[in-house]
N, C-alpha and C. Protein backbone atom coordinates (compact mmCIF):
# COMPACT_ATOMS: atom_id res chain seq x y z
N MET A 1 50.21 -26.92 47.82
CA MET A 1 48.86 -27.13 47.31
C MET A 1 48.31 -25.83 46.73
N PRO A 2 47.72 -25.91 45.55
CA PRO A 2 47.13 -24.71 44.97
C PRO A 2 45.83 -24.35 45.69
N ASN A 3 45.49 -23.09 45.59
CA ASN A 3 44.26 -22.62 46.21
C ASN A 3 43.08 -22.99 45.29
N PHE A 4 42.25 -23.93 45.72
CA PHE A 4 41.19 -24.46 44.88
C PHE A 4 40.09 -23.45 44.62
N LYS A 5 39.86 -22.53 45.56
CA LYS A 5 38.82 -21.53 45.34
C LYS A 5 39.17 -20.63 44.17
N LYS A 6 40.45 -20.27 44.05
CA LYS A 6 40.88 -19.43 42.93
C LYS A 6 40.75 -20.17 41.61
N ILE A 7 41.06 -21.46 41.62
CA ILE A 7 40.95 -22.26 40.41
C ILE A 7 39.49 -22.39 39.99
N VAL A 8 38.61 -22.62 40.97
CA VAL A 8 37.18 -22.75 40.68
C VAL A 8 36.63 -21.44 40.12
N LYS A 9 37.03 -20.31 40.71
CA LYS A 9 36.55 -19.02 40.22
C LYS A 9 37.05 -18.73 38.81
N LYS A 10 38.30 -19.06 38.55
CA LYS A 10 38.87 -18.83 37.23
C LYS A 10 38.17 -19.69 36.18
N LEU A 11 37.92 -20.93 36.51
CA LEU A 11 37.24 -21.85 35.60
C LEU A 11 35.79 -21.40 35.36
N ALA A 12 35.10 -21.02 36.43
CA ALA A 12 33.71 -20.57 36.31
C ALA A 12 33.63 -19.28 35.48
N LYS A 13 34.59 -18.39 35.66
CA LYS A 13 34.60 -17.13 34.90
C LYS A 13 34.80 -17.40 33.42
N SER A 14 35.71 -18.30 33.08
CA SER A 14 35.95 -18.58 31.67
C SER A 14 34.73 -19.26 31.03
N ARG A 15 34.09 -20.16 31.75
CA ARG A 15 32.89 -20.82 31.23
C ARG A 15 31.73 -19.84 31.10
N MET A 16 31.64 -18.92 32.07
CA MET A 16 30.57 -17.92 32.03
C MET A 16 30.72 -17.03 30.80
N TYR A 17 31.93 -16.53 30.52
CA TYR A 17 32.16 -15.71 29.35
C TYR A 17 31.88 -16.48 28.06
N TYR A 18 32.30 -17.74 28.03
CA TYR A 18 32.06 -18.57 26.85
C TYR A 18 30.57 -18.74 26.60
N LEU A 19 29.79 -19.00 27.66
CA LEU A 19 28.34 -19.19 27.50
C LEU A 19 27.64 -17.90 27.09
N PHE A 20 28.08 -16.75 27.63
CA PHE A 20 27.49 -15.49 27.22
C PHE A 20 27.73 -15.23 25.74
N ASN A 21 28.94 -15.46 25.28
CA ASN A 21 29.25 -15.23 23.87
C ASN A 21 28.51 -16.21 22.97
N LEU A 22 28.40 -17.45 23.40
CA LEU A 22 27.66 -18.46 22.64
C LEU A 22 26.18 -18.10 22.55
N ALA A 23 25.61 -17.62 23.65
CA ALA A 23 24.20 -17.22 23.66
C ALA A 23 23.98 -16.03 22.73
N ASN A 24 24.92 -15.10 22.71
CA ASN A 24 24.80 -13.94 21.85
C ASN A 24 24.83 -14.33 20.37
N GLU A 25 25.67 -15.30 20.02
CA GLU A 25 25.79 -15.74 18.63
C GLU A 25 24.55 -16.50 18.16
N ILE A 26 23.99 -17.33 19.03
CA ILE A 26 22.91 -18.23 18.61
C ILE A 26 21.52 -17.63 18.82
N PHE A 27 21.42 -16.46 19.46
CA PHE A 27 20.12 -15.90 19.83
C PHE A 27 19.17 -15.75 18.64
N HIS A 28 19.66 -15.29 17.51
CA HIS A 28 18.79 -15.02 16.36
C HIS A 28 18.29 -16.31 15.71
N GLU A 29 19.01 -17.41 15.91
CA GLU A 29 18.59 -18.68 15.33
C GLU A 29 17.70 -19.48 16.28
N ASN A 30 18.09 -19.52 17.55
CA ASN A 30 17.37 -20.34 18.52
C ASN A 30 17.33 -19.61 19.86
N LYS A 31 16.23 -18.92 20.10
CA LYS A 31 16.09 -18.09 21.31
C LYS A 31 16.06 -18.93 22.59
N GLU A 32 15.42 -20.10 22.54
CA GLU A 32 15.30 -20.94 23.73
C GLU A 32 16.67 -21.47 24.17
N LEU A 33 17.50 -21.88 23.20
CA LEU A 33 18.83 -22.39 23.53
C LEU A 33 19.70 -21.28 24.10
N ALA A 34 19.57 -20.07 23.55
CA ALA A 34 20.33 -18.93 24.07
C ALA A 34 19.94 -18.64 25.52
N ASN A 35 18.67 -18.75 25.84
CA ASN A 35 18.22 -18.51 27.21
C ASN A 35 18.70 -19.61 28.16
N ILE A 36 18.85 -20.84 27.66
CA ILE A 36 19.42 -21.92 28.47
C ILE A 36 20.89 -21.62 28.78
N TYR A 37 21.62 -21.11 27.78
CA TYR A 37 23.02 -20.74 27.99
C TYR A 37 23.15 -19.61 29.02
N ILE A 38 22.24 -18.64 28.94
CA ILE A 38 22.26 -17.53 29.91
C ILE A 38 21.98 -18.05 31.32
N ASP A 39 21.04 -18.97 31.44
CA ASP A 39 20.72 -19.54 32.75
C ASP A 39 21.91 -20.31 33.32
N LEU A 40 22.60 -21.07 32.47
CA LEU A 40 23.78 -21.80 32.92
C LEU A 40 24.89 -20.84 33.35
N ALA A 41 25.10 -19.77 32.60
CA ALA A 41 26.13 -18.79 32.95
C ALA A 41 25.80 -18.12 34.28
N ARG A 42 24.53 -17.82 34.51
CA ARG A 42 24.13 -17.22 35.78
C ARG A 42 24.35 -18.19 36.94
N LYS A 43 24.12 -19.49 36.70
CA LYS A 43 24.35 -20.50 37.74
C LYS A 43 25.83 -20.62 38.07
N TYR A 44 26.69 -20.56 37.03
CA TYR A 44 28.14 -20.58 37.29
C TYR A 44 28.54 -19.39 38.14
N ALA A 45 28.02 -18.21 37.81
CA ALA A 45 28.37 -17.00 38.55
C ALA A 45 27.89 -17.09 40.00
N LYS A 46 26.68 -17.59 40.18
CA LYS A 46 26.13 -17.70 41.53
C LYS A 46 26.90 -18.72 42.36
N ARG A 47 27.23 -19.84 41.76
CA ARG A 47 27.91 -20.91 42.48
C ARG A 47 29.33 -20.51 42.90
N ALA A 48 30.02 -19.77 42.02
CA ALA A 48 31.39 -19.36 42.32
C ALA A 48 31.46 -17.98 42.96
N ARG A 49 30.30 -17.40 43.23
CA ARG A 49 30.20 -16.07 43.83
C ARG A 49 30.93 -15.01 43.00
N LEU A 50 30.61 -14.99 41.71
CA LEU A 50 31.18 -14.02 40.79
C LEU A 50 30.10 -13.03 40.38
N LYS A 51 30.53 -11.81 40.07
CA LYS A 51 29.59 -10.82 39.55
C LYS A 51 29.51 -11.00 38.04
N ILE A 52 28.31 -10.82 37.51
CA ILE A 52 28.15 -10.83 36.06
C ILE A 52 28.70 -9.51 35.53
N PRO A 53 29.52 -9.55 34.50
CA PRO A 53 30.12 -8.31 33.98
C PRO A 53 29.07 -7.29 33.57
N LYS A 54 29.39 -6.01 33.72
CA LYS A 54 28.41 -4.95 33.45
C LYS A 54 27.91 -4.96 32.02
N ASN A 55 28.76 -5.30 31.07
CA ASN A 55 28.30 -5.30 29.68
C ASN A 55 27.28 -6.40 29.43
N TRP A 56 27.29 -7.48 30.22
CA TRP A 56 26.28 -8.53 30.09
C TRP A 56 25.12 -8.34 31.04
N HIS A 57 25.37 -7.70 32.16
CA HIS A 57 24.31 -7.48 33.16
C HIS A 57 23.15 -6.68 32.56
N GLY A 58 23.47 -5.71 31.73
CA GLY A 58 22.43 -4.91 31.10
C GLY A 58 21.70 -5.61 29.98
N ARG A 59 22.22 -6.74 29.52
CA ARG A 59 21.61 -7.49 28.43
C ARG A 59 20.71 -8.62 28.92
N ILE A 60 20.58 -8.75 30.25
CA ILE A 60 19.72 -9.79 30.82
C ILE A 60 18.52 -9.12 31.46
N CYS A 61 17.32 -9.62 31.14
CA CYS A 61 16.10 -9.07 31.73
C CYS A 61 16.10 -9.38 33.22
N HIS A 62 15.77 -8.38 34.03
CA HIS A 62 15.76 -8.57 35.48
C HIS A 62 14.46 -9.25 35.94
N GLY A 63 13.49 -9.36 35.03
CA GLY A 63 12.23 -10.00 35.38
C GLY A 63 12.23 -11.49 35.06
N CYS A 64 12.45 -11.81 33.77
CA CYS A 64 12.36 -13.21 33.35
C CYS A 64 13.72 -13.85 33.09
N LYS A 65 14.82 -13.10 33.29
CA LYS A 65 16.19 -13.60 33.19
C LYS A 65 16.54 -14.16 31.81
N THR A 66 16.00 -13.55 30.75
CA THR A 66 16.34 -13.96 29.40
C THR A 66 17.26 -12.93 28.77
N LEU A 67 17.89 -13.31 27.66
CA LEU A 67 18.78 -12.42 26.95
C LEU A 67 17.96 -11.39 26.19
N LEU A 68 18.35 -10.12 26.31
CA LEU A 68 17.64 -9.05 25.61
C LEU A 68 18.39 -8.67 24.35
N SER A 69 17.64 -8.54 23.27
CA SER A 69 18.21 -8.10 22.01
C SER A 69 17.36 -6.94 21.51
N PRO A 70 17.94 -5.75 21.39
CA PRO A 70 17.16 -4.59 20.95
C PRO A 70 16.51 -4.83 19.59
N GLY A 71 15.22 -4.58 19.52
CA GLY A 71 14.49 -4.78 18.28
C GLY A 71 13.84 -6.14 18.17
N LYS A 72 14.38 -7.14 18.83
CA LYS A 72 13.81 -8.48 18.77
C LYS A 72 12.86 -8.73 19.95
N ASN A 73 13.37 -8.59 21.17
CA ASN A 73 12.52 -8.80 22.33
C ASN A 73 12.73 -7.71 23.39
N ALA A 74 13.30 -6.57 22.96
CA ALA A 74 13.52 -5.47 23.90
C ALA A 74 13.28 -4.14 23.19
N ARG A 75 12.71 -3.21 23.94
CA ARG A 75 12.49 -1.85 23.43
C ARG A 75 13.32 -0.91 24.29
N ILE A 76 14.06 -0.03 23.64
CA ILE A 76 14.92 0.90 24.36
C ILE A 76 14.44 2.32 24.08
N ARG A 77 14.21 3.06 25.16
CA ARG A 77 13.77 4.45 25.06
C ARG A 77 14.66 5.30 25.96
N MET A 78 14.87 6.53 25.53
CA MET A 78 15.66 7.45 26.33
C MET A 78 14.77 8.61 26.74
N GLN A 79 14.77 8.92 28.02
CA GLN A 79 13.97 10.03 28.56
C GLN A 79 14.94 11.07 29.09
N SER A 80 14.94 12.24 28.47
CA SER A 80 15.84 13.28 28.96
C SER A 80 15.00 14.46 29.44
N ARG A 81 15.35 14.95 30.61
CA ARG A 81 14.64 16.06 31.22
C ARG A 81 15.64 17.08 31.73
N LYS A 82 15.34 18.33 31.53
CA LYS A 82 16.22 19.38 32.05
C LYS A 82 16.01 19.52 33.55
N GLY A 83 17.07 19.49 34.29
CA GLY A 83 16.99 19.68 35.73
C GLY A 83 16.54 18.46 36.50
N LYS A 84 16.07 17.42 35.81
CA LYS A 84 15.63 16.20 36.48
C LYS A 84 16.49 15.04 35.99
N ALA A 85 16.27 13.89 36.55
CA ALA A 85 17.07 12.72 36.19
C ALA A 85 16.68 12.20 34.81
N SER A 86 17.64 12.15 33.92
CA SER A 86 17.44 11.53 32.62
C SER A 86 17.75 10.04 32.76
N HIS A 87 17.06 9.22 31.96
CA HIS A 87 17.30 7.79 32.07
C HIS A 87 17.04 7.08 30.75
N VAL A 88 17.59 5.88 30.66
CA VAL A 88 17.33 4.98 29.56
C VAL A 88 16.45 3.87 30.12
N SER A 89 15.34 3.61 29.46
CA SER A 89 14.47 2.53 29.93
C SER A 89 14.48 1.41 28.90
N ILE A 90 14.69 0.21 29.39
CA ILE A 90 14.71 -0.98 28.55
C ILE A 90 13.52 -1.84 28.95
N THR A 91 12.63 -2.09 28.01
CA THR A 91 11.44 -2.88 28.26
C THR A 91 11.58 -4.24 27.61
N CYS A 92 11.44 -5.28 28.40
CA CYS A 92 11.45 -6.65 27.88
C CYS A 92 10.07 -6.91 27.28
N LEU A 93 10.03 -7.32 26.02
CA LEU A 93 8.75 -7.56 25.35
C LEU A 93 8.19 -8.94 25.67
N ASP A 94 8.97 -9.78 26.36
CA ASP A 94 8.47 -11.09 26.77
C ASP A 94 7.66 -11.01 28.06
N CYS A 95 8.17 -10.26 29.05
CA CYS A 95 7.49 -10.19 30.35
C CYS A 95 7.05 -8.77 30.72
N ASN A 96 7.30 -7.78 29.85
CA ASN A 96 6.95 -6.37 30.05
C ASN A 96 7.61 -5.75 31.28
N HIS A 97 8.75 -6.28 31.69
CA HIS A 97 9.49 -5.70 32.81
C HIS A 97 10.30 -4.51 32.29
N ILE A 98 10.28 -3.41 33.03
CA ILE A 98 10.98 -2.20 32.64
C ILE A 98 12.17 -2.00 33.57
N THR A 99 13.35 -1.84 33.00
CA THR A 99 14.56 -1.55 33.76
C THR A 99 15.03 -0.16 33.36
N ARG A 100 15.31 0.67 34.35
CA ARG A 100 15.74 2.04 34.08
C ARG A 100 17.17 2.22 34.54
N TYR A 101 17.98 2.85 33.69
CA TYR A 101 19.36 3.20 34.01
C TYR A 101 19.47 4.71 33.98
N ASN A 102 19.85 5.30 35.12
CA ASN A 102 20.00 6.74 35.19
C ASN A 102 21.23 7.18 34.42
N ILE A 103 21.12 8.37 33.82
CA ILE A 103 22.23 8.97 33.11
C ILE A 103 22.65 10.19 33.90
N LYS A 104 23.89 10.20 34.32
CA LYS A 104 24.41 11.34 35.06
C LYS A 104 25.36 12.11 34.16
N LYS A 105 25.27 13.43 34.22
CA LYS A 105 26.17 14.26 33.44
C LYS A 105 27.40 14.56 34.27
N LYS A 106 28.55 14.39 33.63
CA LYS A 106 29.78 14.82 34.27
C LYS A 106 29.87 16.32 34.08
N SER A 107 30.66 16.96 34.88
CA SER A 107 30.76 18.41 34.78
C SER A 107 31.35 18.81 33.42
N GLY A 108 30.53 19.41 32.59
CA GLY A 108 30.96 19.89 31.29
C GLY A 108 30.93 18.85 30.18
N GLN A 109 30.62 17.59 30.50
CA GLN A 109 30.61 16.55 29.48
C GLN A 109 29.33 15.73 29.58
N ASN A 110 28.93 15.17 28.45
CA ASN A 110 27.80 14.25 28.44
C ASN A 110 28.33 12.83 28.54
N LYS A 111 27.66 12.02 29.32
CA LYS A 111 28.02 10.62 29.44
C LYS A 111 27.04 9.82 28.59
N ASN A 112 27.53 9.09 27.64
CA ASN A 112 26.67 8.35 26.73
C ASN A 112 26.44 6.94 27.27
N PHE A 113 25.24 6.43 27.06
CA PHE A 113 24.88 5.07 27.46
C PHE A 113 24.87 4.23 26.20
N THR A 114 25.56 3.11 26.21
CA THR A 114 25.58 2.23 25.05
C THR A 114 25.17 0.84 25.47
N LEU A 115 24.39 0.20 24.64
CA LEU A 115 23.99 -1.18 24.84
C LEU A 115 24.52 -1.96 23.65
N LYS A 116 25.49 -2.81 23.90
CA LYS A 116 26.14 -3.54 22.79
C LYS A 116 25.43 -4.81 22.50
């Protein structure tokens, strides 16, 4: 007998990736439908106990759980301070929730933050 939990996780992961990509493609045409796809993908992840991939985790508002698109419904600012914590702040323009991501410097190198 195959392990059904592994099959369920594999199926949920593939559907989750498909819905994220579909939401990203359709966002500029129909924002409401894209947010429905994001909600479905989050439900698949929650039900199968999967983590949302980091590249998509940063694209979802932590307040209203909608897809963020820089320039459309999100504002991105970078705050750099000498000797203090530098960070990137992403503001959702729908619910005004601010999410901050700290930027740590590696020894001798700068670590760049990218939002795809």
